[in-house]
């Protein structure tokens, strides 16, 4: 992993678009980074300031390097996820320029466990201790408006799923849960639908249960 004082990677190693905040992070050491607290996360999500979610500078540099090498090996991050993490096989004959499509058990998002997968985020944002970053990957695309934001019906579907899957159990364990979905412009993986879930102060065994690693 690069040292905390390493310079930003040159453009040819940048595997996805970097925001101005990302660029600023790359110039900093980890010692200048303040992890996101739960109250800060709640504020950023509620006010839709998701572009302000940051990784530790060293983690961002490592993520860029990993993304570049993974794209070189697999052709895309989407291919890596499909082959190594999700183990989903797209339908044949899809539009080569479009996102992959999958056979689904139900046309209703989240209705069938086979149509989504819960994974711990391999590259989480810089979070205070006790906060875990989970990603829910879906075979269904969620409907968005012209700005790339979830329409009301899709938002209600995500809220219902997150509450039923994570919220009740998290609060029973003394914790809490938040969720968000990046607009297209902020996504580093655009070929596969996904929703981010943040959980606070929940036991490891509950996280392992959620991701199917009991």
Protein backbone atom coordinates (compact mmCIF):
# COMPACT_ATOMS: atom_id res chain seq x y z
CA UNK A 1 0.00 0.00 0.00
CA UNK A 2 1.32 3.49 -0.76
CA UNK A 3 2.66 5.53 2.15
CA UNK A 4 0.44 8.24 3.63
CA UNK A 5 2.64 10.89 2.03
CA UNK A 6 2.63 9.38 -1.45
CA UNK A 7 1.72 11.78 -4.27
CA UNK A 8 -1.55 11.35 -6.16
CA UNK A 9 -1.42 8.65 -8.84
CA UNK A 10 -0.92 9.94 -12.37
CA UNK A 11 -3.97 10.12 -14.65
CA UNK A 12 -3.22 6.86 -16.46
CA UNK A 13 -3.69 5.00 -13.16
CA UNK A 14 -6.99 6.65 -12.29
CA UNK A 15 -9.58 3.97 -12.96
CA UNK A 16 -12.64 6.20 -12.54
CA UNK A 17 -13.64 9.85 -12.35
CA UNK A 18 -12.29 11.67 -9.32
CA UNK A 19 -14.30 14.47 -7.73
CA UNK A 20 -12.62 17.65 -6.53
CA UNK A 21 -12.93 16.27 -2.99
CA UNK A 22 -11.16 13.06 -4.06
CA UNK A 23 -8.37 15.10 -5.59
CA UNK A 24 -7.98 17.05 -2.37
CA UNK A 25 -7.90 13.82 -0.33
CA UNK A 26 -5.09 12.42 -2.47
CA UNK A 27 -2.85 15.32 -1.50
CA UNK A 28 -3.28 14.74 2.24
CA UNK A 29 -1.73 12.36 4.78
CA UNK A 30 -4.01 10.15 6.86
CA UNK A 31 -3.17 12.27 9.90
CA UNK A 32 -5.18 15.13 8.35
CA UNK A 33 -8.28 12.98 7.88
CA UNK A 34 -11.25 13.05 10.27
CA UNK A 35 -13.37 9.86 10.12
CA UNK A 36 -17.08 10.29 9.51
CA UNK A 37 -19.07 10.19 12.75
CA UNK A 38 -22.61 8.79 12.85
CA UNK A 39 -24.12 12.26 13.24
CA UNK A 40 -22.06 13.51 10.29
CA UNK A 41 -23.18 10.55 8.16
CA UNK A 42 -26.80 11.20 9.08
CA UNK A 43 -26.46 14.87 8.08
CA UNK A 44 -24.75 14.16 4.75
CA UNK A 45 -27.31 11.52 3.78
CA UNK A 46 -30.32 13.59 4.87
CA UNK A 47 -29.10 16.63 2.94
CA UNK A 48 -28.03 14.54 -0.09
CA UNK A 49 -24.43 15.75 0.14
CA UNK A 50 -23.10 12.33 -0.76
CA UNK A 51 -20.16 13.78 -2.69
CA UNK A 52 -18.71 14.72 0.71
CA UNK A 53 -18.33 11.09 1.77
CA UNK A 54 -14.59 10.42 1.84
CA UNK A 55 -12.13 7.58 2.17
CA UNK A 56 -8.92 7.87 4.12
CA UNK A 57 -6.25 9.24 1.77
CA UNK A 58 -4.20 6.04 1.93
CA UNK A 59 -7.35 3.95 1.32
CA UNK A 60 -8.32 6.08 -1.67
CA UNK A 61 -4.84 5.70 -3.18
CA UNK A 62 -5.00 1.94 -2.60
CA UNK A 63 -8.50 1.79 -4.11
CA UNK A 64 -7.32 3.58 -7.23
CA UNK A 65 -4.37 1.22 -7.61
CA UNK A 66 -6.58 -1.84 -7.01
CA UNK A 67 -9.19 -0.57 -9.50
CA UNK A 68 -6.58 -0.05 -12.20
CA UNK A 69 -5.04 -3.51 -11.76
CA UNK A 70 -8.45 -5.18 -11.52
CA UNK A 71 -9.68 -3.51 -14.72
CA UNK A 72 -6.49 -4.65 -16.44
CA UNK A 73 -7.03 -8.26 -15.32
CA UNK A 74 -10.81 -8.57 -15.67
CA UNK A 75 -11.64 -5.88 -18.21
CA UNK A 76 -13.88 -4.00 -15.77
CA UNK A 77 -14.80 -3.80 -12.10
CA UNK A 78 -18.22 -5.15 -13.07
CA UNK A 79 -16.63 -8.30 -14.51
CA UNK A 80 -14.63 -8.79 -11.32
CA UNK A 81 -17.71 -8.45 -9.15
CA UNK A 82 -19.75 -10.84 -11.28
CA UNK A 83 -17.02 -13.48 -11.39
CA UNK A 84 -15.47 -13.28 -7.93
CA UNK A 85 -17.94 -11.68 -5.51
CA UNK A 86 -21.49 -12.07 -6.76
CA UNK A 87 -21.12 -15.20 -8.91
CA UNK A 88 -23.96 -14.05 -11.14
CA UNK A 89 -24.18 -14.99 -14.81
CA UNK A 90 -25.73 -12.35 -17.07
CA UNK A 91 -28.23 -13.30 -19.71
CA UNK A 92 -26.63 -13.94 -23.06
CA UNK A 93 -27.27 -11.65 -25.99
CA UNK A 94 -27.32 -8.48 -23.90
CA UNK A 95 -26.36 -5.14 -25.43
CA UNK A 96 -22.59 -5.01 -25.19
CA UNK A 97 -22.74 -1.29 -24.41
CA UNK A 98 -25.41 -1.56 -21.72
CA UNK A 99 -25.44 -2.93 -18.18
CA UNK A 100 -25.77 -6.70 -17.70
CA UNK A 101 -29.24 -8.19 -17.37
CA UNK A 102 -30.15 -11.21 -15.27
CA UNK A 103 -32.88 -13.79 -14.96
CA UNK A 104 -34.83 -12.91 -11.82
CA UNK A 105 -37.12 -14.93 -9.64
CA UNK A 106 -39.43 -11.98 -9.09
CA UNK A 107 -39.97 -8.73 -10.97
CA UNK A 108 -40.35 -6.95 -7.61
CA UNK A 109 -37.02 -5.69 -6.21
CA UNK A 110 -36.01 -7.37 -2.91
CA UNK A 111 -38.94 -9.80 -3.05
CA UNK A 112 -36.70 -12.86 -3.50
CA UNK A 113 -33.35 -13.45 -1.79
CA UNK A 114 -31.92 -14.95 -5.00
CA UNK A 115 -32.31 -11.59 -6.72
CA UNK A 116 -29.98 -9.64 -4.43
CA UNK A 117 -26.79 -10.20 -2.43
CA UNK A 118 -25.49 -8.55 0.73
CA UNK A 119 -21.72 -8.03 1.00
CA UNK A 120 -19.44 -6.10 3.30
CA UNK A 121 -17.90 -3.25 1.31
CA UNK A 122 -14.29 -4.10 0.47
CA UNK A 123 -13.48 -0.38 0.14
CA UNK A 124 -15.52 1.47 2.78
CA UNK A 125 -15.56 5.18 3.38
CA UNK A 126 -13.48 6.50 6.25
CA UNK A 127 -15.79 5.76 9.18
CA UNK A 128 -15.45 6.06 12.92
CA UNK A 129 -14.88 2.84 14.85
CA UNK A 130 -18.07 0.86 15.29
CA UNK A 131 -19.60 1.81 11.93
CA UNK A 132 -19.72 -0.89 9.25
CA UNK A 133 -20.29 -0.38 5.52
CA UNK A 134 -22.44 -2.96 3.72
CA UNK A 135 -23.52 -3.01 0.07
CA UNK A 136 -26.69 -4.63 -1.24
CA UNK A 137 -26.27 -5.65 -4.90
CA UNK A 138 -29.40 -6.17 -6.97
CA UNK A 139 -30.21 -7.97 -10.19
CA UNK A 140 -33.04 -5.45 -10.68
CA UNK A 141 -32.39 -1.87 -11.77
CA UNK A 142 -34.11 0.63 -9.48
CA UNK A 143 -36.06 3.38 -11.19
CA UNK A 144 -34.49 6.83 -11.07
CA UNK A 145 -35.51 10.26 -12.31
CA UNK A 146 -33.72 12.45 -14.83
CA UNK A 147 -31.23 13.54 -12.18
CA UNK A 148 -30.31 9.96 -11.34
CA UNK A 149 -32.15 10.01 -8.00
CA UNK A 150 -34.55 7.29 -6.87
CA UNK A 151 -38.20 7.89 -7.67
CA UNK A 152 -40.58 7.76 -4.72
CA UNK A 153 -41.75 4.19 -5.32
CA UNK A 154 -38.21 2.86 -5.56
CA UNK A 155 -37.20 4.81 -2.44
CA UNK A 156 -40.06 3.27 -0.49
CA UNK A 157 -39.00 -0.20 -1.69
CA UNK A 158 -35.43 0.35 -0.48
CA UNK A 159 -36.59 1.82 2.83
CA UNK A 160 -38.86 -1.14 3.46
CA UNK A 161 -36.14 -3.64 2.64
CA UNK A 162 -33.48 -1.92 4.75
CA UNK A 163 -35.80 -1.67 7.73
CA UNK A 164 -36.90 -5.29 7.46
CA UNK A 165 -33.45 -6.73 6.77
CA UNK A 166 -31.22 -4.54 8.92
CA UNK A 167 -33.03 -1.87 10.91
CA UNK A 168 -35.05 -3.90 13.40
CA UNK A 169 -32.20 -6.29 14.21
CA UNK A 170 -29.68 -3.46 14.48
CA UNK A 171 -31.77 -1.54 16.98
CA UNK A 172 -32.52 -4.69 18.98
CA UNK A 173 -28.75 -5.08 19.33
CA UNK A 174 -28.41 -1.47 20.50
CA UNK A 175 -27.27 -0.09 17.16
CA UNK A 176 -28.71 1.88 14.27
CA UNK A 177 -28.83 1.90 10.47
CA UNK A 178 -28.63 4.40 7.60
CA UNK A 179 -28.76 3.87 3.85
CA UNK A 180 -28.12 5.78 0.65
CA UNK A 181 -27.84 5.25 -3.08
CA UNK A 182 -25.32 7.28 -5.03
CA UNK A 183 -26.52 9.04 -8.13
CA UNK A 184 -24.93 7.78 -11.34
CA UNK A 185 -22.35 10.57 -11.37
CA UNK A 186 -20.93 9.48 -8.00
CA UNK A 187 -20.85 5.73 -8.64
CA UNK A 188 -17.52 4.02 -9.16
CA UNK A 189 -19.37 0.83 -10.24
CA UNK A 190 -22.09 1.86 -12.66
CA UNK A 191 -22.83 -1.45 -14.35
CA UNK A 192 -24.53 -3.10 -11.38
CA UNK A 193 -27.35 -1.78 -9.21
CA UNK A 194 -26.42 -1.35 -5.56
CA UNK A 195 -27.47 0.37 -2.35
CA UNK A 196 -25.16 1.33 0.51
CA UNK A 197 -26.11 0.45 4.10
CA UNK A 198 -24.28 1.78 7.16
CA UNK A 199 -24.76 0.05 10.51
CA UNK A 200 -23.53 1.26 13.87
CA UNK A 201 -22.65 -0.72 16.98
CA UNK A 202 -23.88 -4.15 15.91
CA UNK A 203 -22.11 -7.40 16.81
CA UNK A 204 -19.90 -9.13 14.26
CA UNK A 205 -22.08 -12.24 14.31
CA UNK A 206 -25.05 -10.20 13.12
CA UNK A 207 -23.04 -8.78 10.22
CA UNK A 208 -21.89 -12.30 9.33
CA UNK A 209 -25.51 -13.45 9.38
CA UNK A 210 -26.52 -10.65 7.01
CA UNK A 211 -23.81 -11.51 4.52
CA UNK A 212 -24.38 -15.26 4.80
CA UNK A 213 -21.09 -16.16 6.47
CA UNK A 214 -22.31 -18.03 9.53
